[in-house]
Every structure is written in structure tokens, then in C-alpha cells.
Amino acid sequence: MNLINLPGVDQGTIANNMLESSLRRLQNSAGRAEGDEQLKKVSRQLEALFIRMLMDNMDKTIPKDELAGDSQAMDTWKGMFNERVADKVTEQGSIGLADMIYRQLSRQIDRHMEVPPAAPEIEGAGKTET
């Protein structure tokens, strides 16, 4: 997920909206194979988002460097760096979170597909008038 740090823009909200959009496309996907690939992609995006949030919060604990300063440009650079590192870590499958998310969501999707929707009850169905 390519996000750019902009002042006054909540990156978490943007990322959540992007993931919700991906999940909606996943729900509307036609075939099982296509849906499976989209589910893997969404799982990797969730893992990358988690890693980026983790790195962003870790950066907040590091004392400010006097040489680098405390500028918007430095914050933007750090955000882009953390995003790139998170994407690379996810591509390599280093922490395995995407696999766990994928397995969990696949089970839920399979379970949802196996159970037919309940038919609505029609008043008076099965009764005969006398």
C-alpha cells in the first residue's frame, strides 16, 4: 500500500478505507480462484499495515536527532521508509501474519459459502383452509 504522509491526514483511516475497498472487491469476486488470489493480496496488505504501524510507533520512542531535526520532511521520509520496509518484509513472508490472516478468512468464507441462506417464512405456508 503506497501511502504518503500529508499533514492533517490520518494514515490509519486511509489504510482502513483501502482495505475495506479490497474486502468489498473480494466479496464480489466471481470465481473461487480469483477470490483466493484477492484474499491472499488483502492478507498481505493487512500484514504490511500492521508492520508499518508497529514501526511508526517504534519510531516515536526514539529520541529526536538534532542533526536530522524535527521537520515535516523528515517525518515524511520516515513514513515512506517504514512503508517500504513493511512491504519488503511482507513480500518475504518473514513474520507469517499474512498466512494466519489468510487461513482464518478462508475458513470463514468457506463456512459462509457452505451454509445456504435461510428461506424467509411465508405466513400461512403449509396450512390449508377448511
Protein backbone atom coordinates (compact mmCIF):
# COMPACT_ATOMS: atom_id res chain seq x y z
CA MET A 1 0.00 0.00 0.00
CA ASN A 2 1.54 3.23 -1.10
CA LEU A 3 0.58 5.93 1.36
CA ILE A 4 2.09 9.38 1.52
CA ASN A 5 2.36 11.26 4.79
CA LEU A 6 0.46 14.51 4.50
CA PRO A 7 -0.12 16.96 7.32
CA GLY A 8 -3.60 16.64 8.79
CA VAL A 9 -4.32 13.32 7.06
CA ASP A 10 -4.89 10.28 9.27
CA GLN A 11 -2.93 7.44 7.64
CA GLY A 12 -4.85 4.82 9.62
CA THR A 13 -8.16 6.00 8.17
CA ILE A 14 -6.80 5.97 4.63
CA ALA A 15 -5.37 2.47 5.08
CA ASN A 16 -8.64 1.22 6.59
CA ASN A 17 -10.62 2.62 3.66
CA MET A 18 -8.26 0.95 1.19
CA LEU A 19 -8.58 -2.40 2.98
CA GLU A 20 -12.37 -2.11 3.17
CA SER A 21 -12.45 -1.45 -0.56
CA SER A 22 -10.28 -4.53 -1.18
CA LEU A 23 -12.53 -6.66 1.01
CA ARG A 24 -15.63 -5.45 -0.89
CA ARG A 25 -13.98 -6.41 -4.20
CA LEU A 26 -13.17 -9.77 -2.64
CA GLN A 27 -16.80 -10.33 -1.67
CA ASN A 28 -17.94 -9.51 -5.19
CA SER A 29 -15.33 -11.65 -6.96
CA ALA A 30 -16.75 -14.10 -9.45
CA GLY A 31 -14.61 -17.23 -9.22
CA ARG A 32 -13.05 -19.10 -6.33
CA ALA A 33 -9.52 -18.88 -7.80
CA GLU A 34 -9.81 -15.13 -8.36
CA GLY A 35 -11.23 -14.67 -4.87
CA ASP A 36 -8.43 -16.77 -3.43
CA GLU A 37 -5.76 -14.56 -5.02
CA GLN A 38 -7.52 -11.42 -3.84
CA LEU A 39 -7.76 -12.85 -0.33
CA LYS A 40 -4.01 -13.50 -0.32
CA LYS A 41 -3.39 -9.94 -1.51
CA VAL A 42 -5.64 -8.46 1.18
CA SER A 43 -3.92 -10.63 3.82
CA ARG A 44 -0.51 -9.33 2.73
CA GLN A 45 -1.83 -5.74 2.82
CA LEU A 46 -3.09 -6.25 6.37
CA GLU A 47 0.28 -7.66 7.41
CA ALA A 48 2.11 -4.72 5.80
CA LEU A 49 -0.23 -2.26 7.55
CA PHE A 50 0.43 -3.95 10.90
CA ILE A 51 4.21 -3.87 10.39
CA ARG A 52 4.12 -0.22 9.30
CA MET A 53 2.05 0.79 12.33
CA LEU A 54 4.46 -1.14 14.53
CA MET A 55 7.47 0.62 13.00
CA ASP A 56 5.80 4.06 13.17
CA ASN A 57 5.12 3.57 16.87
CA MET A 58 8.67 2.31 17.45
CA ASP A 59 9.99 5.47 15.76
CA LYS A 60 8.07 7.59 18.25
CA THR A 61 10.08 6.07 21.10
CA ILE A 62 13.43 7.11 19.59
CA PRO A 63 14.75 10.47 20.85
CA LYS A 64 14.83 13.19 18.19
CA ASP A 65 18.17 13.62 16.44
CA GLU A 66 19.49 17.18 16.48
CA LEU A 67 21.17 16.73 13.09
CA ALA A 68 18.07 15.44 11.32
CA GLY A 69 15.80 17.87 13.07
CA ASP A 70 12.11 17.60 13.70
CA SER A 71 10.73 18.57 10.31
CA GLN A 72 7.74 17.54 8.23
CA ALA A 73 10.17 16.39 5.52
CA MET A 74 11.90 14.01 7.95
CA ASP A 75 8.53 12.65 9.13
CA THR A 76 7.52 12.07 5.51
CA TRP A 77 10.80 10.33 4.75
CA LYS A 78 10.48 8.09 7.83
CA GLY A 79 6.91 7.22 6.88
CA MET A 80 7.93 6.28 3.34
CA PHE A 81 10.89 4.28 4.65
CA ASN A 82 8.69 2.38 7.12
CA GLU A 83 6.15 1.68 4.38
CA ARG A 84 8.82 0.29 2.05
CA VAL A 85 10.35 -1.87 4.79
CA ALA A 86 6.90 -3.19 5.74
CA ASP A 87 6.18 -4.08 2.09
CA LYS A 88 9.52 -5.89 1.74
CA VAL A 89 9.06 -7.81 5.00
CA THR A 90 5.59 -8.88 3.85
CA GLU A 91 6.86 -9.96 0.42
CA GLN A 92 9.41 -12.22 2.10
CA GLY A 93 6.82 -13.68 4.48
CA SER A 94 9.10 -13.04 7.43
CA ILE A 95 6.57 -12.87 10.25
CA GLY A 96 3.83 -15.10 8.82
CA LEU A 97 0.94 -12.90 9.87
CA ALA A 98 -0.47 -12.79 6.31
CA ASP A 99 -0.64 -16.60 6.24
CA MET A 100 -2.56 -16.68 9.52
CA ILE A 101 -4.97 -13.99 8.32
CA TYR A 102 -5.45 -15.84 5.01
CA ARG A 103 -6.22 -19.16 6.70
CA GLN A 104 -8.68 -17.58 9.11
CA LEU A 105 -10.52 -15.60 6.44
CA SER A 106 -10.60 -18.62 4.06
CA ARG A 107 -12.27 -20.73 6.73
CA GLN A 108 -14.85 -18.04 7.33
CA ILE A 109 -15.51 -17.61 3.61
CA ASP A 110 -15.78 -21.39 3.09
CA ARG A 111 -18.16 -21.68 6.02
CA HIS A 112 -20.24 -18.80 4.67
CA MET A 113 -20.42 -20.42 1.22
CA GLU A 114 -21.43 -23.83 2.58
CA VAL A 115 -24.44 -22.63 4.54
CA PRO A 116 -27.35 -21.70 2.29
CA PRO A 117 -29.27 -18.61 3.30
CA ALA A 118 -32.40 -19.31 5.30
CA ALA A 119 -35.61 -19.08 3.30
CA PRO A 120 -37.98 -16.44 4.59
CA GLU A 121 -41.06 -17.78 6.28
CA ILE A 122 -44.29 -17.07 4.48
CA GLU A 123 -47.31 -16.60 6.65
CA GLY A 124 -49.84 -19.33 6.17
CA ALA A 125 -47.48 -21.60 4.25
CA GLY A 126 -48.30 -25.25 4.76
CA LYS A 127 -51.75 -24.51 6.18
CA THR A 128 -54.88 -25.49 4.38
CA GLU A 129 -58.08 -23.58 4.65
CA THR A 130 -61.11 -25.54 5.78
